[in-house]
Each structure stands twice: as C-alpha cells, then as structure tokens.
Amino acid sequence: MKAIRVAQPGGPDVLQYVDIDRPQPAGSEVRVKIAACGVNYIDIYHRTALYPLPLPFTPGLEAAGVVDAIGPDVTMFKVGNRVAYSSQIGAYADYALVPQEKLITVPAGIDLTSAAAVMLQGMTAHYLLTSTYPLQAGQTALIHAAAGGVGLLLVQLAGQIGATVIGTVSTAEKADLARRAGADHVILYTQTDFTTETKRLTGGRGVDVVYDGVGQTTFEGSLNSLRPRGYMVLFGQAGGPVPPFDLGELNRKGSLFITRPSLFHHISTREEFEWRAGDLFKWLGDGKLNIRVDCVLPLSEARQAHIKLAGRQTAGKLLLRP
C-alpha cells in the first residue's frame, strides 16, 4: 500500500510517498481503508519535531473510511462499517490501524469527505466553545484566522449561541467567507490594527474571550483586546510559539485569565468523544453546520498540502485522498 513516511524532521521535502506493507489488525484494532484524511497544523509540528514523534512515522491524526478488517477482540465494529476518527497517528496512508475506542460510526447521510473534514477541527471548536470557555449569548468573542478550518466553525457555532463575533482575516476574500459564516465584524489585520479596532467595536471595553490559534504574532494584541477579567484561549501556534511570558502582565492588564488547551485532553473518555463527535454529525445532518472543504489533493501531494497550509493559502479544510 502507499503511505507518507517521515524518516527525519525537516521541511515538506521529508514527506516521502512510499510503498509499505499493509498492516494487520491485532487485539481490538480496526483496519480502516481511508477515503480521506485531514491536514492540520499539528501535522506540521510533528513533521518539524516541534512535537516530536518516534521515527520513522506516518503523519496524520484524522480520517474517515470503511472498516476493512478487524482484530479478534473487536466488538464495536464490523467489516463494511463507515467510520471516522481523530487523534490517532498514521492517517496519511491507504489503510490505517485504529483502536476501536477511537472510532465513531459515520451516520447515514454524512459523506466520508465531510466526516474526515470535521473530526479534529470540529471537535476542537466544540470543546473551545463548550468546555474551555463556555460562550454565552450576549457575550463578545474575538476569533483569529476566522476563515480557517477551525475559525469558520467557531464563527458559525458562536453566532448560533447568540454571541457577537469579531473575526480577523488576512484578505478581502477571506473576510467575505467569515461574514458569510456569520461574523458580525471582520478585521483585515493586514490593513488595520486588530486591537485598536476591537476596542473601538466594543466601545473601549474589550471582548469577553479571544480564541487564538495563531500564537506568537497575535498573542500580545489578543491580551490587549480583552476586557478586565477576560479570557485568553491559546489553542494553537500557527504563527509561531509564544515566548516566555511574565504572568504579572495578566494582573497589569486587568486580572486576565489564560489557558493553553488541547483536543486530546477533551476527548480522553469515550463519553466525551461520543458527545463531541455526535453533536457535530447531528449539526451537519440538520444543516446547522457547514463544512467548507478548500482543497482535496492526492495523497502523493502531501508536500504541497503542507506548503499551502503553512503559507496560509487555504480557507477552510484541506484534505488528502489516497
């Protein structure tokens, strides 16, 4: 079978499209024939060893497909079931082995491409809004990269909650996407200082919460956009890791809160996993959530996918198809 392998950390060129043996499931493992797999910033962190993994490895943490074979201890799935998963390394391949407890059944009516596109970023948006900072109607949220994969989902869900949404984007085209997703205000940070504009839009008060997946390049401005006792949610570092920070600044800027959450800690139980994935599939089925797939590339073009994602050349979800 074909797979993408990383033998050493580095740039996109270390993503090698190679032939490897098809894995055989053991115990409670399920072999999934991949229909589509998601490309996420964490894949870049793995590739560059910002988040190191044992070498060599196959990247990719989310996919959807069809059960192809099962281990002798599998009780939850059968061959032919349509399934999706997140947080299991090895998705950039024709086939992947996944523990049965990390799989979820894809309901009828949800295509596998949409299922692959919603798992990691969708559950991220879900935990950010329901668990990390449970956003309420009438509150105001600043969402960075509002036309990105997570951003577009956050904008939609925050608007449905009844919150006022301020989004930041880099281009006029992305601004239009964010508005169509439901953003009340959109700031082109390439033309306007987002902190100044956020304070103007909130009458000088600041926002209740910032959902920031960018990191280094937005961190200081995000803190300065908060109201006193506001909440900074730093859930990614697409713009680089945040340097060491004096916690005393949180006091000086208004007794602020800050957290650095991870999806892995929010789907660590089967109950949470089923809750978050189940909500997403229901919203998709009911038409309450729109998944924008920006681009689907062949698995062999994984290098180009990483270049596009790192270069912020996408608006929505980027997928690979074996």
Protein backbone atom coordinates (compact mmCIF):
# COMPACT_ATOMS: atom_id res chain seq x y z
CA MET A 1 0.00 0.00 0.00
CA LYS A 2 1.00 3.66 -0.33
CA ALA A 3 1.77 5.90 2.63
CA ILE A 4 3.57 9.10 3.52
CA ARG A 5 6.58 8.45 5.75
CA VAL A 6 8.84 10.80 7.70
CA ALA A 7 12.32 9.42 8.39
CA GLN A 8 13.79 12.62 9.84
CA PRO A 9 12.39 16.01 10.90
CA GLY A 10 12.51 18.85 8.43
CA GLY A 11 10.67 20.78 5.74
CA PRO A 12 7.95 19.47 3.40
CA ASP A 13 10.57 17.55 1.39
CA VAL A 14 10.89 14.97 4.21
CA LEU A 15 7.36 13.75 3.39
CA GLN A 16 8.12 10.64 1.34
CA TYR A 17 5.43 8.86 -0.71
CA VAL A 18 6.43 5.20 -0.43
CA ASP A 19 5.22 1.61 -0.52
CA ILE A 20 4.87 -0.15 2.83
CA ASP A 21 3.26 -3.38 3.98
CA ARG A 22 -0.46 -3.30 4.67
CA PRO A 23 -0.83 -3.56 8.48
CA GLN A 24 -2.69 -6.44 10.08
CA PRO A 25 -5.08 -5.69 12.97
CA ALA A 26 -4.50 -7.39 16.31
CA GLY A 27 -6.44 -7.34 19.56
CA SER A 28 -9.04 -4.56 19.47
CA GLU A 29 -7.53 -2.83 16.43
CA VAL A 30 -9.60 -1.98 13.37
CA ARG A 31 -8.11 -1.59 9.90
CA VAL A 32 -9.70 1.32 8.05
CA LYS A 33 -9.50 1.78 4.30
CA ILE A 34 -9.03 5.54 4.17
CA ALA A 35 -11.40 7.57 1.99
CA ALA A 36 -9.99 10.96 3.01
CA CYS A 37 -7.66 12.27 5.71
CA GLY A 38 -7.34 15.76 7.16
CA VAL A 39 -4.29 18.01 7.05
CA ASN A 40 -3.76 20.07 10.20
CA TYR A 41 -1.12 22.34 11.72
CA ILE A 42 -0.25 19.65 14.24
CA ASP A 43 0.95 17.53 11.29
CA ILE A 44 3.48 20.27 10.56
CA TYR A 45 4.51 20.33 14.23
CA HIS A 46 5.08 16.56 14.03
CA ARG A 47 7.00 16.85 10.75
CA THR A 48 9.34 19.52 12.12
CA ALA A 49 9.68 17.82 15.55
CA LEU A 50 8.17 20.79 17.37
CA TYR A 51 6.03 17.97 18.77
CA PRO A 52 8.49 15.07 18.31
CA LEU A 53 7.41 11.51 17.49
CA PRO A 54 9.45 8.31 17.28
CA LEU A 55 10.98 7.95 13.81
CA PRO A 56 10.02 6.88 11.23
CA PHE A 57 6.31 7.61 11.30
CA THR A 58 3.28 8.17 9.08
CA PRO A 59 1.70 11.58 9.80
CA GLY A 60 -1.96 12.45 10.05
CA LEU A 61 -4.34 12.40 13.00
CA GLU A 62 -7.80 12.24 11.42
CA ALA A 63 -9.55 10.36 8.65
CA ALA A 64 -12.74 8.69 7.55
CA GLY A 65 -13.23 5.48 5.66
CA VAL A 66 -14.62 1.95 5.71
CA VAL A 67 -13.73 -0.88 8.08
CA ASP A 68 -11.65 -3.32 6.07
CA ALA A 69 -10.59 -5.85 8.71
CA ILE A 70 -10.86 -6.25 12.49
CA GLY A 71 -8.80 -7.78 15.25
CA PRO A 72 -10.10 -10.79 17.23
CA ASP A 73 -11.17 -8.64 20.22
CA VAL A 74 -13.16 -6.02 18.31
CA THR A 75 -16.77 -5.82 19.48
CA MET A 76 -17.88 -2.35 18.42
CA PHE A 77 -17.48 -2.50 14.62
CA LYS A 78 -17.85 -4.85 11.68
CA VAL A 79 -16.27 -5.02 8.24
CA GLY A 80 -18.07 -2.57 5.97
CA ASN A 81 -18.95 -0.02 8.66
CA ARG A 82 -18.37 3.63 7.76
CA VAL A 83 -16.21 5.24 10.43
CA ALA A 84 -14.19 8.33 11.30
CA TYR A 85 -11.58 9.14 13.90
CA SER A 86 -9.23 11.72 15.32
CA SER A 87 -6.11 11.73 17.50
CA GLN A 88 -4.58 8.55 16.11
CA ILE A 89 -1.32 8.92 14.20
CA GLY A 90 -0.95 7.32 10.75
CA ALA A 91 -3.77 8.74 8.62
CA TYR A 92 -1.65 9.70 5.57
CA ALA A 93 -1.99 6.24 4.04
CA ASP A 94 -4.22 3.89 2.07
CA TYR A 95 -5.01 1.96 5.26
CA ALA A 96 -4.63 2.71 8.97
CA LEU A 97 -4.90 0.71 12.18
CA VAL A 98 -7.09 2.39 14.78
CA PRO A 99 -8.09 1.17 18.28
CA GLN A 100 -11.83 0.59 18.24
CA GLU A 101 -12.42 3.04 21.11
CA LYS A 102 -11.10 5.89 18.94
CA LEU A 103 -13.55 5.25 16.11
CA ILE A 104 -17.04 6.66 15.66
CA THR A 105 -19.72 5.46 13.25
CA VAL A 106 -20.49 7.93 10.46
CA PRO A 107 -24.27 8.31 10.24
CA ALA A 108 -26.15 7.71 7.02
CA GLY A 109 -26.46 10.93 5.09
CA ILE A 110 -22.99 12.20 6.07
CA ASP A 111 -20.45 11.61 3.30
CA LEU A 112 -16.99 10.40 4.24
CA THR A 113 -15.28 13.52 2.92
CA SER A 114 -17.31 15.71 5.28
CA ALA A 115 -16.73 13.28 8.13
CA ALA A 116 -12.97 13.44 7.62
CA ALA A 117 -13.10 17.23 7.41
CA VAL A 118 -15.00 17.77 10.66
CA MET A 119 -13.30 15.47 13.14
CA LEU A 120 -10.23 17.27 14.51
CA GLN A 121 -11.15 20.87 13.76
CA GLY A 122 -14.83 20.34 14.55
CA MET A 123 -14.18 18.74 17.92
CA THR A 124 -11.65 21.49 18.62
CA ALA A 125 -14.29 24.15 18.01
CA HIS A 126 -16.73 22.14 20.14
CA TYR A 127 -14.50 21.90 23.21
CA LEU A 128 -13.35 25.52 22.93
CA LEU A 129 -16.93 26.81 22.99
CA THR A 130 -18.48 24.31 25.40
CA SER A 131 -15.69 23.44 27.83
CA THR A 132 -12.67 25.77 27.73
CA TYR A 133 -14.69 28.99 27.75
CA PRO A 134 -18.42 28.19 27.62
CA LEU A 135 -19.52 31.10 25.46
CA GLN A 136 -22.89 32.64 26.31
CA ALA A 137 -25.47 34.62 24.37
CA GLY A 138 -24.77 38.33 24.61
CA GLN A 139 -21.02 37.92 25.06
CA THR A 140 -18.42 39.05 22.52
CA ALA A 141 -15.69 36.80 21.12
CA LEU A 142 -12.62 37.65 19.06
CA ILE A 143 -11.73 34.78 16.71
CA HIS A 144 -8.41 34.83 14.87
CA ALA A 145 -7.99 33.18 11.46
CA ALA A 146 -11.76 33.36 11.12
CA ALA A 147 -11.68 31.92 7.58
CA GLY A 148 -9.51 28.94 8.51
CA GLY A 149 -10.72 25.42 9.23
CA VAL A 150 -11.33 25.90 12.95
CA GLY A 151 -12.14 29.58 12.54
CA LEU A 152 -15.10 29.09 10.19
CA LEU A 153 -16.57 26.50 12.55
CA LEU A 154 -16.06 28.71 15.60
CA VAL A 155 -17.71 31.65 13.83
CA GLN A 156 -20.77 29.57 12.89
CA LEU A 157 -21.22 27.99 16.30
CA ALA A 158 -20.56 31.19 18.27
CA GLY A 159 -23.14 33.02 16.17
CA GLN A 160 -25.71 30.29 16.78
CA ILE A 161 -25.11 30.63 20.52
CA GLY A 162 -26.08 34.29 20.23
CA ALA A 163 -22.66 35.83 20.82
CA THR A 164 -21.26 38.80 18.93
CA VAL A 165 -18.39 37.58 16.75
CA ILE A 166 -15.37 39.65 15.70
CA GLY A 167 -13.11 37.79 13.28
CA THR A 168 -9.65 38.57 11.94
CA VAL A 169 -8.52 37.56 8.44
CA SER A 170 -5.72 38.41 6.01
CA THR A 171 -7.57 39.10 2.74
CA ALA A 172 -10.82 40.55 1.43
CA GLU A 173 -11.78 37.13 0.05
CA LYS A 174 -11.38 35.55 3.48
CA ALA A 175 -13.32 38.43 5.03
CA ASP A 176 -16.25 37.57 2.78
CA LEU A 177 -16.10 33.93 3.87
CA ALA A 178 -16.08 34.91 7.55
CA ARG A 179 -19.07 37.23 7.07
CA ARG A 180 -21.00 34.53 5.24
CA ALA A 181 -20.25 32.16 8.13
CA GLY A 182 -21.89 34.66 10.49
CA ALA A 183 -19.20 37.03 11.76
CA ASP A 184 -20.70 40.32 12.90
CA HIS A 185 -17.47 42.24 12.32
CA VAL A 186 -14.39 41.29 10.29
CA ILE A 187 -10.97 42.92 10.66
CA LEU A 188 -8.32 42.69 7.94
CA TYR A 189 -5.32 42.57 10.22
CA THR A 190 -3.04 43.26 7.23
CA GLN A 191 -4.63 46.71 6.92
CA THR A 192 -5.90 47.55 10.41
CA ASP A 193 -4.52 47.02 13.91
CA PHE A 194 -6.91 44.42 15.27
CA THR A 195 -6.53 45.51 18.91
CA THR A 196 -7.43 49.12 18.17
CA GLU A 197 -10.38 48.08 16.02
CA THR A 198 -11.61 45.54 18.57
CA LYS A 199 -11.57 48.16 21.31
CA ARG A 200 -13.46 50.56 19.02
CA LEU A 201 -16.08 47.94 18.18
CA THR A 202 -16.61 47.20 21.88
CA GLY A 203 -16.77 50.83 22.96
CA GLY A 204 -13.37 50.57 24.65
CA ARG A 205 -14.42 47.66 26.88
CA GLY A 206 -12.72 44.75 25.10
CA VAL A 207 -14.03 41.26 24.36
CA ASP A 208 -15.02 38.57 26.83
CA VAL A 209 -12.85 35.92 25.19
CA VAL A 210 -10.22 35.55 22.48
CA TYR A 211 -9.92 32.22 20.65
CA ASP A 212 -6.37 32.38 19.31
CA GLY A 213 -4.85 29.57 17.25
CA VAL A 214 -2.12 31.78 15.79
CA GLY A 215 0.20 32.29 18.75
CA GLN A 216 3.30 34.44 18.64
CA THR A 217 2.20 37.07 16.14
CA THR A 218 -1.18 37.76 17.77
CA PHE A 219 -0.52 36.97 21.43
CA GLU A 220 0.18 40.46 22.80
CA GLY A 221 -2.59 42.05 20.78
CA SER A 222 -5.02 39.36 21.90
CA LEU A 223 -4.33 40.11 25.56
CA ASN A 224 -4.78 43.82 24.89
CA SER A 225 -8.15 43.14 23.26
CA LEU A 226 -9.67 41.61 26.39
CA ARG A 227 -11.93 43.27 28.91
CA PRO A 228 -10.84 43.22 32.57
CA ARG A 229 -11.02 39.60 33.80
CA GLY A 230 -11.36 38.46 30.20
CA TYR A 231 -10.31 35.00 28.98
CA MET A 232 -7.48 34.26 26.56
CA VAL A 233 -7.73 30.82 24.92
CA LEU A 234 -4.47 29.98 23.14
CA PHE A 235 -5.20 26.73 21.30
CA GLY A 236 -2.52 26.75 18.59
CA GLN A 237 0.63 28.38 17.29
CA ALA A 238 0.33 28.67 13.53
CA GLY A 239 2.25 31.95 13.75
CA GLY A 240 4.97 30.51 15.98
CA PRO A 241 5.26 29.53 19.65
CA VAL A 242 4.70 32.20 22.28
CA PRO A 243 7.97 33.15 24.02
CA PRO A 244 8.37 33.05 27.81
CA PHE A 245 5.80 35.33 29.41
CA ASP A 246 5.65 37.24 32.69
CA LEU A 247 2.42 36.19 34.39
CA GLY A 248 2.41 39.52 36.19
CA GLU A 249 1.24 41.02 32.88
CA LEU A 250 -2.11 39.31 33.41
CA ASN A 251 -2.54 41.37 36.57
CA ARG A 252 -1.43 44.61 34.99
CA LYS A 253 -3.74 44.16 32.00
CA GLY A 254 -6.83 43.60 34.14
CA SER A 255 -6.67 40.32 36.09
CA LEU A 256 -6.86 38.31 32.89
CA PHE A 257 -7.15 34.54 32.51
CA ILE A 258 -5.14 32.47 30.05
CA THR A 259 -5.19 28.79 29.12
CA ARG A 260 -3.43 26.54 26.60
CA PRO A 261 -5.80 23.60 25.96
CA SER A 262 -5.52 20.55 23.71
CA LEU A 263 -8.12 18.40 21.97
CA PHE A 264 -6.51 15.23 23.33
CA HIS A 265 -7.46 16.15 26.90
CA HIS A 266 -11.05 16.85 25.84
CA ILE A 267 -11.78 13.50 24.16
CA SER A 268 -9.88 11.34 26.64
CA THR A 269 -13.03 9.43 27.62
CA ARG A 270 -15.41 7.58 25.32
CA GLU A 271 -18.28 9.66 26.69
CA GLU A 272 -16.67 12.97 25.72
CA PHE A 273 -15.61 11.67 22.32
CA GLU A 274 -19.13 10.46 21.50
CA TRP A 275 -20.66 13.70 22.80
CA ARG A 276 -18.49 15.97 20.69
CA ALA A 277 -18.49 13.88 17.50
CA GLY A 278 -22.19 13.14 17.92
CA ASP A 279 -23.08 16.83 18.19
CA LEU A 280 -21.05 17.62 15.07
CA PHE A 281 -22.67 14.89 13.00
CA LYS A 282 -26.14 15.97 14.18
CA TRP A 283 -25.46 19.61 13.29
CA LEU A 284 -24.15 18.56 9.88
CA GLY A 285 -27.19 16.39 9.26
CA ASP A 286 -29.57 19.15 10.36
CA GLY A 287 -27.87 21.72 8.15
CA LYS A 288 -26.82 23.84 11.14
CA LEU A 289 -23.12 23.46 10.39
CA ASN A 290 -21.40 23.99 7.06
CA ILE A 291 -18.03 22.39 6.35
CA ARG A 292 -16.03 24.29 3.76
CA VAL A 293 -13.52 21.99 2.09
CA ASP A 294 -10.97 24.30 0.48
CA CYS A 295 -8.98 21.67 -1.37
CA VAL A 296 -8.67 17.89 -1.79
CA LEU A 297 -5.25 16.78 -3.01
CA PRO A 298 -3.99 13.28 -3.86
CA LEU A 299 -2.07 11.63 -1.02
CA SER A 300 1.05 11.80 -3.21
CA GLU A 301 0.88 15.62 -2.96
CA ALA A 302 1.23 15.78 0.81
CA ARG A 303 4.24 18.08 0.46
CA GLN A 304 2.18 20.62 -1.47
CA ALA A 305 -0.58 20.35 1.14
CA HIS A 306 1.85 21.30 3.90
CA ILE A 307 3.20 24.20 1.84
CA LYS A 308 -0.33 25.52 1.25
CA LEU A 309 -1.32 25.21 4.90
CA ALA A 310 1.85 26.81 6.29
CA GLY A 311 1.61 29.59 3.70
CA ARG A 312 -1.97 30.39 4.74
CA GLN A 313 -3.11 29.70 1.20
CA THR A 314 -6.28 27.90 2.34
CA ALA A 315 -9.69 28.99 3.57
CA GLY A 316 -11.45 26.06 5.17
CA LYS A 317 -10.39 22.45 5.32
CA LEU A 318 -7.53 20.83 3.43
CA LEU A 319 -7.79 17.08 2.75
CA LEU A 320 -5.71 14.32 1.19
CA ARG A 321 -7.29 11.44 -0.71
CA PRO A 322 -5.46 8.11 -1.17
